[in-house]
Amino acid sequence: MSKRLQNLICCAVALLLSACQQTHIVFTPTKPPSLANFETPASLSSALPKSGVIIPATEQAFTDEVPASLNLPYQLHREVATQAHNNLNNRVSLAAISPHIPFDNPDILQIALQEKARALAISSADPCLETFSIRVTLHSINLSLACPDYVNHLYNLLLLFWQPDTFDGTTTAAVDIDNIRRQLKLNKHLNAFSGAEIDKLWREKLLGPEHPYNKVLNNDALFDSLNLKQLQQIQQQVAMQARWHLFLPSAQAKNAEFDLQASINQWPTLDKSLLLADKPEMAKPKQTKRIYLIDAPGSVQTQVRIGYALDDAPSPSVNEMNDVANPQPLSPQDIALSCRSLAALMGRSFSGRLYYDLREKRGLTYGIYGQCANAPLSSSIKFYGSTAIEHTGAFVVGILDHLALVKTQSASQGEIDALKTYLMGEDLLSQDNDIQRESQYIHQVATGLTQVDVQKLNAELQALTPARLQQLANGAFSGEPLIILRGDIDRIIPDLASKLPEWQLERVKVD
């Protein structure tokens, strides 16, 4: 071997060795939180165009029809006819809703129903089946078709998914059970790879392992052994437990005539529905100053989840708004208002407090967002985002500082006005979307909200003041937040220990 070649090999080895060495990480320092200024300068206020007050919609998106002479197996909802909602397709949706108890294994049933739609589309020449969509929550399963065909035809297609023999192919196309098992297992591996396991741990630590929401999902043993009989049992249990709601287009739409008697005759033979149980009493885990860490060796980013369960959060007395010494449980109305308004105040993307400070001012993240989860058995507020390894401690401290600041310092009136404009504008935009209108209505049914409740919530939002928002923050953000991080633990622990010395660090392995 020539000397020149030996030198080249030595240089290559040296480069490889140097590349394997881990460089020292310089961690980002913390800074006090900063807020954006929402006040319009006097010099500009006269030149800017004046916008009117945004008022949320007061009318319902659907009208309920209850024929006196017929005993319908579902509750019938007709879309309110407006010019803005006219389109070429008739949208028909059949929703199974369980208000008080969640469905068992809805994640399995979602994959199975999607596989059924694929099998039907392949075996049938009906183009309407290609518009099939499914939206699944723990308390609702909504199947939809959007096609110019007659409404009764679309209704009959949706009923195919709820026939007692729908999966085994006795009367219609059979599903590929092996493919369903493969998809379930693949989703599990993808979730672990993508970091979605952090959300599984979030539910477990926030609600407790025995909470119904943690017992009806991710049945790994069933993923492996699932057969057609078990799949049919899951479907029938949902059908037996559900309250059924049928959403139809406006009667003024083309081909929108609906034969009620024919719909009753076509209704599948289902077991008698179960009596809806009362909400179970559940003790939520008490959060302490503990940060849960999921190890992801080699990760260049840290995923962050920080938030609170709102169900048991105390709230200052409404009659003694400034007295926070005697907290009381949050009322359902306070939970809904605080969840929605505080999630948007802190985490509404570009104009939220966290985004403005932690991204725009300090560059600690590409994005941080707030999420309000207001479900029948649990309400919570969560702030989530990702940050570089060297920013981990500063990012977590920055979020905690803002959670503390909103409880001690009133927001400006300009910020309150901007918050109202965002939330009311968001509500109006959602009313222009068929899917969102329908999803909001189903959520109202699942949570037991009436149109009066919705209007009352909007009225409280319109009347929101800085003092009222601070009161809500003291109720919602009481106690210690739940904090879960996913990243390279060995690299971030020194930073966390130095910036958050009063917090215990606990490694957690997610199954």
Protein backbone atom coordinates (compact mmCIF):
# COMPACT_ATOMS: atom_id res chain seq x y z
CA MET A 1 0.00 0.00 0.00
CA SER A 2 1.47 3.34 -1.04
CA LYS A 3 2.31 5.94 1.56
CA ARG A 4 -0.10 8.38 -0.03
CA LEU A 5 -3.00 5.89 0.27
CA GLN A 6 -2.09 5.21 3.92
CA ASN A 7 -2.22 8.94 4.65
CA LEU A 8 -5.63 9.23 3.01
CA ILE A 9 -6.97 6.31 5.09
CA CYS A 10 -5.60 7.84 8.29
CA CYS A 11 -7.24 11.16 7.48
CA ALA A 12 -10.57 9.44 6.79
CA VAL A 13 -10.41 7.52 10.08
CA ALA A 14 -9.55 10.70 11.95
CA LEU A 15 -12.53 12.49 10.42
CA LEU A 16 -14.87 9.64 11.33
CA LEU A 17 -13.62 9.56 14.92
CA SER A 18 -13.99 13.30 15.31
CA ALA A 19 -17.51 13.14 13.87
CA CYS A 20 -18.51 10.54 16.48
CA GLN A 21 -17.40 12.75 19.35
CA GLN A 22 -20.25 14.61 21.03
CA THR A 23 -19.64 18.32 21.22
CA HIS A 24 -20.43 20.22 24.40
CA ILE A 25 -23.95 21.67 24.41
CA VAL A 26 -24.31 25.30 25.43
CA PHE A 27 -27.78 25.52 26.98
CA THR A 28 -29.99 28.55 26.47
CA PRO A 29 -30.45 30.91 29.43
CA THR A 30 -33.90 31.77 30.77
CA LYS A 31 -35.50 35.21 30.53
CA PRO A 32 -38.54 36.89 32.09
CA PRO A 33 -41.73 36.58 30.00
CA SER A 34 -42.65 39.39 27.62
CA LEU A 35 -46.04 40.31 26.16
CA ALA A 36 -47.06 41.89 22.88
CA ASN A 37 -48.62 45.35 22.83
CA PHE A 38 -52.16 45.21 21.45
CA GLU A 39 -52.90 48.90 21.82
CA THR A 40 -53.25 50.94 18.62
CA PRO A 41 -51.11 54.11 18.61
CA ALA A 42 -53.20 57.28 18.67
CA SER A 43 -51.45 58.51 15.52
CA LEU A 44 -52.78 55.51 13.58
CA SER A 45 -56.19 54.94 15.13
CA SER A 46 -57.88 57.67 13.09
CA ALA A 47 -56.35 56.46 9.79
CA LEU A 48 -57.23 52.77 10.20
CA PRO A 49 -60.60 51.47 8.94
CA LYS A 50 -63.18 50.75 11.62
CA SER A 51 -64.42 47.18 11.88
CA GLY A 52 -67.80 46.30 13.31
CA VAL A 53 -68.28 44.09 16.34
CA ILE A 54 -68.16 40.40 15.43
CA ILE A 55 -71.30 38.72 16.75
CA PRO A 56 -71.41 34.91 16.86
CA ALA A 57 -74.20 33.08 15.08
CA THR A 58 -77.31 32.66 17.23
CA GLU A 59 -79.36 30.34 15.04
CA GLN A 60 -78.88 26.58 14.93
CA ALA A 61 -77.17 24.98 11.95
CA PHE A 62 -79.78 22.19 11.95
CA THR A 63 -83.48 21.94 12.69
CA ASP A 64 -84.87 18.83 14.38
CA GLU A 65 -87.80 17.05 12.77
CA VAL A 66 -89.98 14.79 14.89
CA PRO A 67 -92.87 13.28 12.87
CA ALA A 68 -95.80 12.62 15.18
CA SER A 69 -97.02 9.52 13.38
CA LEU A 70 -93.73 7.64 13.04
CA ASN A 71 -91.41 6.09 15.59
CA LEU A 72 -88.01 6.85 14.09
CA PRO A 73 -84.98 4.77 15.18
CA TYR A 74 -82.85 7.92 14.93
CA GLN A 75 -83.16 11.64 15.65
CA LEU A 76 -83.55 13.54 12.40
CA HIS A 77 -81.70 16.80 11.74
CA ARG A 78 -82.20 18.94 8.62
CA GLU A 79 -79.62 21.51 7.58
CA VAL A 80 -80.94 25.07 7.73
CA ALA A 81 -81.32 26.38 4.17
CA THR A 82 -79.10 29.38 3.36
CA GLN A 83 -77.63 30.59 0.12
CA ALA A 84 -74.13 30.36 1.56
CA HIS A 85 -74.45 26.60 2.07
CA ASN A 86 -75.87 25.62 -1.30
CA ASN A 87 -73.73 23.14 -3.25
CA LEU A 88 -74.06 20.42 -5.85
CA ASN A 89 -73.73 17.50 -3.41
CA ASN A 90 -76.19 16.15 -0.90
CA ARG A 91 -74.41 15.46 2.35
CA VAL A 92 -75.88 12.68 4.49
CA SER A 93 -74.36 11.63 7.82
CA LEU A 94 -75.31 8.91 10.26
CA ALA A 95 -73.82 9.42 13.72
CA ALA A 96 -73.70 6.99 16.64
CA ILE A 97 -73.37 8.99 19.87
CA SER A 98 -72.82 7.77 23.43
CA PRO A 99 -72.97 10.80 25.76
CA HIS A 100 -72.04 9.35 29.15
CA ILE A 101 -69.78 6.38 28.49
CA PRO A 102 -67.16 6.01 25.74
CA PHE A 103 -67.29 3.35 23.05
CA ASP A 104 -65.06 0.30 23.46
CA ASN A 105 -62.23 -0.05 20.93
CA PRO A 106 -63.23 2.85 18.63
CA ASP A 107 -59.69 2.84 17.20
CA ILE A 108 -60.21 -0.73 15.96
CA LEU A 109 -63.66 0.01 14.57
CA GLN A 110 -62.38 3.07 12.71
CA ILE A 111 -59.83 0.98 10.77
CA ALA A 112 -62.44 -1.74 10.15
CA LEU A 113 -65.05 0.68 8.78
CA GLN A 114 -62.45 2.26 6.49
CA GLU A 115 -61.58 -1.21 5.22
CA LYS A 116 -65.28 -1.92 4.69
CA ALA A 117 -65.62 1.27 2.63
CA ARG A 118 -62.67 0.20 0.49
CA ALA A 119 -64.17 -3.26 -0.07
CA LEU A 120 -67.55 -1.78 -1.04
CA ALA A 121 -65.98 0.72 -3.43
CA ILE A 122 -64.04 -2.07 -5.16
CA SER A 123 -67.00 -4.44 -5.45
CA SER A 124 -69.56 -1.80 -6.43
CA ALA A 125 -69.74 0.61 -9.34
CA ASP A 126 -71.39 3.25 -7.15
CA PRO A 127 -69.24 6.43 -7.24
CA CYS A 128 -70.90 7.78 -4.07
CA LEU A 129 -68.92 5.26 -2.00
CA GLU A 130 -65.73 7.05 -3.04
CA THR A 131 -66.85 10.08 -0.99
CA PHE A 132 -67.04 8.08 2.23
CA SER A 133 -65.60 9.81 5.29
CA ILE A 134 -65.45 8.80 8.93
CA ARG A 135 -64.85 10.90 12.05
CA VAL A 136 -64.36 9.01 15.30
CA THR A 137 -64.13 10.25 18.87
CA LEU A 138 -64.47 8.34 22.11
CA HIS A 139 -68.16 9.28 22.25
CA SER A 140 -69.18 9.43 18.58
CA ILE A 141 -68.72 7.62 15.27
CA ASN A 142 -69.96 9.63 12.30
CA LEU A 143 -70.14 8.19 8.78
CA SER A 144 -70.81 10.53 5.84
CA LEU A 145 -71.35 10.53 2.10
CA ALA A 146 -71.50 13.61 -0.13
CA CYS A 147 -72.92 12.90 -3.59
CA PRO A 148 -75.50 14.40 -6.01
CA ASP A 149 -77.62 11.23 -5.76
CA TYR A 150 -80.95 10.91 -3.92
CA VAL A 151 -80.84 11.23 -0.15
CA ASN A 152 -82.52 7.86 0.47
CA HIS A 153 -79.85 6.16 -1.65
CA LEU A 154 -77.05 7.70 0.40
CA TYR A 155 -78.86 6.72 3.58
CA ASN A 156 -79.12 3.10 2.41
CA LEU A 157 -75.39 3.03 1.62
CA LEU A 158 -74.56 4.23 5.14
CA LEU A 159 -76.72 1.50 6.65
CA LEU A 160 -74.50 -1.12 4.99
CA PHE A 161 -71.80 -0.34 7.54
CA TRP A 162 -74.08 -1.17 10.47
CA GLN A 163 -75.60 -4.43 9.29
CA PRO A 164 -74.99 -7.29 11.78
CA ASP A 165 -73.06 -9.24 9.13
CA THR A 166 -71.28 -6.32 7.50
CA PHE A 167 -67.72 -7.57 8.06
CA ASP A 168 -68.05 -11.25 7.16
CA GLY A 169 -69.43 -10.60 3.66
CA THR A 170 -72.68 -12.56 4.01
CA THR A 171 -74.68 -9.96 2.11
CA THR A 172 -72.04 -7.42 0.99
CA ALA A 173 -68.30 -7.30 0.35
CA ALA A 174 -66.22 -8.91 3.09
CA VAL A 175 -63.35 -7.09 4.78
CA ASP A 176 -59.76 -8.33 4.82
CA ILE A 177 -59.25 -9.06 8.53
CA ASP A 178 -55.52 -9.69 8.01
CA ASN A 179 -55.14 -6.21 6.53
CA ILE A 180 -56.98 -4.67 9.49
CA ARG A 181 -54.60 -6.38 11.93
CA ARG A 182 -51.60 -5.20 9.91
CA GLN A 183 -52.84 -1.61 9.91
CA LEU A 184 -53.42 -1.64 13.67
CA LYS A 185 -49.92 -2.97 14.33
CA LEU A 186 -48.38 -0.56 11.82
CA ASN A 187 -50.12 2.40 13.46
CA LYS A 188 -48.70 1.34 16.82
CA HIS A 189 -45.15 1.28 15.44
CA LEU A 190 -45.64 4.57 13.59
CA ASN A 191 -46.89 6.24 16.77
CA ALA A 192 -43.78 5.12 18.64
CA PHE A 193 -41.54 6.34 15.83
CA SER A 194 -43.32 9.69 15.40
CA GLY A 195 -43.42 10.43 19.11
CA ALA A 196 -47.20 10.08 19.46
CA GLU A 197 -46.53 7.89 22.50
CA ILE A 198 -46.19 11.10 24.49
CA ASP A 199 -49.93 11.72 24.09
CA LYS A 200 -50.73 8.22 25.36
CA LEU A 201 -48.67 8.91 28.48
CA TRP A 202 -50.34 12.31 28.79
CA ARG A 203 -53.79 10.72 29.08
CA GLU A 204 -52.56 8.14 31.60
CA LYS A 205 -50.90 10.70 33.90
CA LEU A 206 -53.64 13.30 33.56
CA LEU A 207 -56.64 11.01 34.10
CA GLY A 208 -55.22 7.92 35.79
CA PRO A 209 -54.85 4.41 34.31
CA GLU A 210 -58.36 3.36 35.42
CA HIS A 211 -60.14 6.24 33.70
CA PRO A 212 -62.57 4.99 31.00
CA TYR A 213 -60.69 6.95 28.32
CA ASN A 214 -57.55 4.94 29.07
CA LYS A 215 -59.29 1.55 29.10
CA VAL A 216 -61.10 1.63 25.76
CA LEU A 217 -58.11 2.35 23.49
CA ASN A 218 -54.87 0.63 22.45
CA ASN A 219 -55.91 -2.96 23.19
CA ASP A 220 -52.62 -4.50 22.03
CA ALA A 221 -53.70 -8.07 22.76
CA LEU A 222 -56.77 -7.63 20.57
CA PHE A 223 -54.65 -6.03 17.84
CA ASP A 224 -52.77 -9.33 17.58
CA SER A 225 -55.70 -11.77 17.84
CA LEU A 226 -58.53 -9.87 16.14
CA ASN A 227 -60.88 -12.05 14.08
CA LEU A 228 -64.15 -11.40 12.25
CA LYS A 229 -66.30 -12.59 15.16
CA GLN A 230 -64.57 -10.25 17.62
CA LEU A 231 -64.81 -7.39 15.13
CA GLN A 232 -68.53 -8.00 14.72
CA GLN A 233 -68.95 -7.98 18.50
CA ILE A 234 -67.21 -4.61 18.75
CA GLN A 235 -69.52 -3.19 16.07
CA GLN A 236 -72.66 -4.59 17.70
CA GLN A 237 -71.67 -3.27 21.12
CA VAL A 238 -71.35 0.20 19.62
CA ALA A 239 -74.72 -0.16 17.84
CA MET A 240 -76.38 -1.35 21.05
CA GLN A 241 -74.92 1.49 23.11
CA ALA A 242 -75.46 4.30 20.62
CA ARG A 243 -78.09 6.97 20.26
CA TRP A 244 -78.52 7.54 16.52
CA HIS A 245 -78.62 10.88 14.74
CA LEU A 246 -79.26 11.35 11.01
CA PHE A 247 -78.14 14.58 9.31
CA LEU A 248 -79.79 15.47 6.00
CA PRO A 249 -79.39 18.43 3.62
CA SER A 250 -81.99 21.18 3.44
CA ALA A 251 -85.30 20.03 1.98
CA GLN A 252 -84.84 22.71 -0.68
CA ALA A 253 -81.75 20.99 -2.08
CA LYS A 254 -81.99 18.94 -5.27
CA ASN A 255 -82.82 15.23 -4.73
CA ALA A 256 -83.27 15.95 -1.01
CA GLU A 257 -86.73 14.41 -0.67
CA PHE A 258 -86.60 11.76 2.04
CA ASP A 259 -88.97 8.83 2.44
CA LEU A 260 -89.25 8.34 6.19
CA GLN A 261 -91.23 5.12 6.02
CA ALA A 262 -88.70 3.57 3.61
CA SER A 263 -85.89 4.59 5.95
CA ILE A 264 -87.58 2.76 8.84
CA ASN A 265 -88.06 -0.35 6.71
CA GLN A 266 -84.36 -0.34 5.75
CA TRP A 267 -83.11 0.14 9.32
CA PRO A 268 -80.93 -2.85 10.36
CA THR A 269 -82.05 -5.23 13.06
CA LEU A 270 -80.06 -4.06 16.08
CA ASP A 271 -80.19 -5.22 19.66
CA LYS A 272 -82.15 -3.00 22.02
CA SER A 273 -80.08 0.00 23.05
CA LEU A 274 -78.49 0.00 26.46
CA LEU A 275 -79.72 2.42 29.06
CA LEU A 276 -77.29 5.30 29.30
CA ALA A 277 -75.44 5.24 32.60
CA ASP A 278 -74.76 8.28 34.73
CA LYS A 279 -71.34 9.84 34.58
CA PRO A 280 -68.99 7.67 36.66
CA GLU A 281 -67.25 9.24 39.61
CA MET A 282 -63.51 9.33 38.91
CA ALA A 283 -60.68 10.56 41.09
CA LYS A 284 -58.03 12.33 39.04
CA PRO A 285 -54.35 11.88 40.02
CA LYS A 286 -53.01 14.79 42.04
CA GLN A 287 -50.15 16.44 40.19
CA THR A 288 -46.93 17.17 42.05
CA LYS A 289 -43.72 18.93 41.07
CA ARG A 290 -42.66 16.06 38.86
CA ILE A 291 -41.50 16.06 35.24
CA TYR A 292 -42.01 12.79 33.36
CA LEU A 293 -39.31 11.97 30.81
CA ILE A 294 -39.62 9.61 27.83
CA ASP A 295 -36.20 8.68 26.50
CA ALA A 296 -35.56 9.11 22.76
CA PRO A 297 -31.78 8.61 22.40
CA GLY A 298 -30.24 10.60 19.58
CA SER A 299 -33.21 12.93 19.24
CA VAL A 300 -32.28 16.47 18.25
CA GLN A 301 -35.54 17.90 19.59
CA THR A 302 -37.56 17.63 22.78
CA GLN A 303 -41.33 17.24 22.60
CA VAL A 304 -43.12 19.13 25.36
CA ARG A 305 -46.60 18.75 26.87
CA ILE A 306 -47.68 21.00 29.76
CA GLY A 307 -51.21 21.49 31.07
CA TYR A 308 -53.99 20.91 33.58
CA ALA A 309 -57.11 18.83 34.13
CA LEU A 310 -59.96 21.32 34.62
CA ASP A 311 -62.71 19.12 36.08
CA ASP A 312 -61.56 19.42 39.67
CA ALA A 313 -59.89 22.83 39.39
CA PRO A 314 -61.00 25.37 42.01
CA SER A 315 -62.35 28.76 41.01
CA PRO A 316 -62.74 31.99 42.98
CA SER A 317 -66.30 32.90 43.90
CA VAL A 318 -68.11 34.81 41.19
CA ASN A 319 -69.51 37.16 43.83
CA GLU A 320 -66.05 37.79 45.24
CA MET A 321 -64.08 37.98 42.03
CA ASN A 322 -60.95 39.38 43.61
CA ASP A 323 -60.97 36.97 46.54
CA VAL A 324 -58.83 33.95 45.61
CA ALA A 325 -58.37 32.72 49.15
CA ASN A 326 -61.50 30.55 49.16
CA PRO A 327 -61.51 28.58 45.90
CA GLN A 328 -64.59 26.65 44.79
CA PRO A 329 -64.95 23.95 42.10
CA LEU A 330 -65.26 25.29 38.59
CA SER A 331 -68.81 25.17 37.25
CA PRO A 332 -69.39 23.45 33.88
CA GLN A 333 -69.90 26.90 32.33
CA ASP A 334 -66.63 28.15 33.84
CA ILE A 335 -64.81 25.06 32.58
CA ALA A 336 -66.01 25.60 29.01
CA LEU A 337 -65.26 29.34 29.09
CA SER A 338 -61.83 29.06 30.72
CA CYS A 339 -60.76 26.12 28.56
CA ARG A 340 -61.61 27.90 25.33
CA SER A 341 -60.42 31.39 26.22
CA LEU A 342 -57.16 30.48 28.01
CA ALA A 343 -56.09 27.99 25.33
CA ALA A 344 -56.52 30.73 22.73
CA LEU A 345 -54.97 33.49 24.85
CA MET A 346 -51.80 31.51 25.42
CA GLY A 347 -51.52 29.27 22.39
CA ARG A 348 -53.47 30.57 19.39
CA SER A 349 -50.53 30.17 17.02
CA PHE A 350 -49.12 33.47 15.70
CA SER A 351 -51.01 35.81 18.04
CA GLY A 352 -50.82 33.76 21.24
CA ARG A 353 -48.62 34.79 24.16
CA LEU A 354 -46.42 31.70 24.03
CA TYR A 355 -45.80 31.93 20.26
CA TYR A 356 -45.01 35.65 20.45
CA ASP A 357 -42.52 35.30 23.29
CA LEU A 358 -40.95 31.85 22.85
CA ARG A 359 -40.68 31.96 19.06
CA GLU A 360 -40.84 35.54 17.81
CA LYS A 361 -38.81 37.11 20.63
CA ARG A 362 -36.54 34.25 21.73
CA GLY A 363 -36.44 31.71 18.89
CA LEU A 364 -36.87 28.66 21.14
CA THR A 365 -39.32 26.81 18.88
CA TYR A 366 -40.93 26.69 15.46
CA GLY A 367 -44.36 26.70 17.05
CA ILE A 368 -46.24 26.25 20.31
CA TYR A 369 -49.97 25.80 20.54
CA GLY A 370 -52.83 25.50 23.02
CA GLN A 371 -55.48 22.79 22.93
CA CYS A 372 -58.79 22.74 24.78
CA ALA A 373 -60.25 19.25 25.23
CA ASN A 374 -63.80 19.55 26.59
CA ALA A 375 -65.12 15.97 26.65
CA PRO A 376 -68.07 14.46 28.58
CA LEU A 377 -65.86 12.70 31.16
CA SER A 378 -62.88 15.04 31.24
CA SER A 379 -61.89 18.60 30.39
CA SER A 380 -58.29 19.68 30.09
CA ILE A 381 -56.08 22.34 28.63
CA LYS A 382 -52.72 21.48 27.08
CA PHE A 383 -49.85 23.48 25.58
CA TYR A 384 -47.59 21.58 23.22
CA GLY A 385 -44.61 22.11 20.95
CA SER A 386 -41.07 20.97 20.24
CA THR A 387 -37.75 22.64 20.94
CA ALA A 388 -34.07 21.96 20.27
CA ILE A 389 -32.14 19.97 22.87
CA GLU A 390 -30.20 23.06 24.01
CA HIS A 391 -33.43 25.04 24.48
CA THR A 392 -35.28 22.42 26.56
CA GLY A 393 -34.94 23.95 30.02
CA ALA A 394 -35.51 27.52 28.85
CA PHE A 395 -38.56 26.45 26.83
CA VAL A 396 -40.20 24.67 29.78
CA VAL A 397 -39.42 27.53 32.17
CA GLY A 398 -40.79 30.01 29.63
CA ILE A 399 -44.15 28.20 29.49
CA LEU A 400 -44.36 27.93 33.29
CA ASP A 401 -43.55 31.62 33.67
CA HIS A 402 -46.42 32.56 31.38
CA LEU A 403 -48.82 30.27 33.24
CA ALA A 404 -47.87 32.08 36.44
CA LEU A 405 -48.00 35.54 34.85
CA VAL A 406 -51.58 35.22 33.57
CA LYS A 407 -52.72 34.53 37.16
CA THR A 408 -51.02 37.57 38.69
CA GLN A 409 -51.18 40.25 35.99
CA SER A 410 -54.35 41.35 34.22
CA ALA A 411 -54.39 41.33 30.44
CA SER A 412 -54.79 44.64 28.66
CA GLN A 413 -58.15 45.54 27.18
CA GLY A 414 -56.55 45.51 23.73
CA GLU A 415 -55.47 41.89 24.22
CA ILE A 416 -58.94 40.95 25.45
CA ASP A 417 -60.51 42.56 22.37
CA ALA A 418 -58.10 40.67 20.09
CA LEU A 419 -58.95 37.41 21.88
CA LYS A 420 -62.70 37.97 21.42
CA THR A 421 -62.23 38.79 17.74
CA TYR A 422 -60.24 35.59 17.23
CA LEU A 423 -62.69 33.28 19.01
CA MET A 424 -65.86 34.77 17.53
CA GLY A 425 -64.31 34.88 14.07
CA GLU A 426 -63.26 31.25 14.43
CA ASP A 427 -66.82 30.33 15.36
CA LEU A 428 -68.30 32.15 12.37
CA LEU A 429 -65.82 30.54 9.98
CA SER A 430 -66.67 27.09 11.30
CA GLN A 431 -70.33 27.71 10.46
CA ASP A 432 -69.37 28.05 6.78
CA ASN A 433 -67.94 24.52 6.69
CA ASP A 434 -70.26 21.52 6.42
CA ILE A 435 -67.99 19.15 8.33
CA GLN A 436 -67.24 21.59 11.15
CA ARG A 437 -70.90 22.54 11.59
CA GLU A 438 -71.81 18.90 11.88
CA SER A 439 -68.91 18.07 14.21
CA GLN A 440 -69.78 20.97 16.52
CA TYR A 441 -73.40 19.84 16.68
CA ILE A 442 -72.39 16.26 17.50
CA HIS A 443 -70.04 17.54 20.21
CA GLN A 444 -72.89 19.55 21.71
CA VAL A 445 -75.08 16.44 21.78
CA ALA A 446 -72.31 14.33 23.32
CA THR A 447 -71.58 16.87 26.05
CA GLY A 448 -75.24 17.63 26.74
CA LEU A 449 -75.08 21.26 25.64
CA THR A 450 -78.26 22.90 24.37
CA GLN A 451 -78.45 25.85 22.01
CA VAL A 452 -79.29 27.99 25.05
CA ASP A 453 -76.06 26.83 26.71
CA VAL A 454 -74.06 27.70 23.60
CA GLN A 455 -75.62 31.16 23.39
CA LYS A 456 -74.94 31.75 27.08
CA LEU A 457 -71.29 30.77 26.58
CA ASN A 458 -70.97 33.17 23.64
CA ALA A 459 -72.59 35.93 25.70
CA GLU A 460 -70.06 35.37 28.50
CA LEU A 461 -67.27 35.49 25.96
CA GLN A 462 -68.56 38.79 24.58
CA ALA A 463 -68.68 40.17 28.13
CA LEU A 464 -65.19 38.92 29.05
CA THR A 465 -63.11 41.46 31.01
CA PRO A 466 -59.46 41.43 32.14
CA ALA A 467 -60.58 40.76 35.73
CA ARG A 468 -62.83 37.87 34.68
CA LEU A 469 -60.05 36.31 32.59
CA GLN A 470 -57.63 36.53 35.52
CA GLN A 471 -60.24 34.88 37.73
CA LEU A 472 -60.61 32.02 35.24
CA ALA A 473 -56.83 31.63 35.01
CA ASN A 474 -56.50 31.33 38.80
CA GLY A 475 -59.13 28.60 38.77
CA ALA A 476 -57.88 26.66 35.75
CA PHE A 477 -54.15 26.93 36.46
CA SER A 478 -54.31 26.07 40.14
CA GLY A 479 -52.04 23.42 41.62
CA GLU A 480 -49.12 21.93 39.73
CA PRO A 481 -49.25 21.36 35.97
CA LEU A 482 -48.61 18.01 34.37
CA ILE A 483 -45.31 18.12 32.44
CA ILE A 484 -44.18 15.40 30.03
CA LEU A 485 -41.05 15.61 27.86
CA ARG A 486 -39.80 13.27 25.15
CA GLY A 487 -36.18 13.63 24.10
CA ASP A 488 -32.61 12.49 24.69
CA ILE A 489 -32.78 12.27 28.47
CA ASP A 490 -29.05 12.03 29.15
CA ARG A 491 -28.47 15.30 27.28
CA ILE A 492 -31.32 17.33 28.75
CA ILE A 493 -31.28 16.25 32.41
CA PRO A 494 -28.37 18.54 33.42
CA ASP A 495 -30.17 21.54 31.94
CA LEU A 496 -33.48 20.66 33.58
CA ALA A 497 -31.84 20.04 36.95
CA SER A 498 -30.15 23.45 36.90
CA LYS A 499 -33.16 25.47 35.69
CA LEU A 500 -35.90 23.59 37.58
CA PRO A 501 -34.16 22.37 40.75
CA GLU A 502 -37.43 22.15 42.73
CA TRP A 503 -38.93 19.65 40.26
CA GLN A 504 -38.36 15.90 40.45
CA LEU A 505 -37.35 14.17 37.23
CA GLU A 506 -38.81 10.71 36.56
CA ARG A 507 -37.96 8.44 33.63
CA VAL A 508 -41.00 6.68 32.20
CA LYS A 509 -41.20 3.85 29.68
CA VAL A 510 -44.30 3.79 27.46
CA ASP A 511 -45.61 0.34 26.47
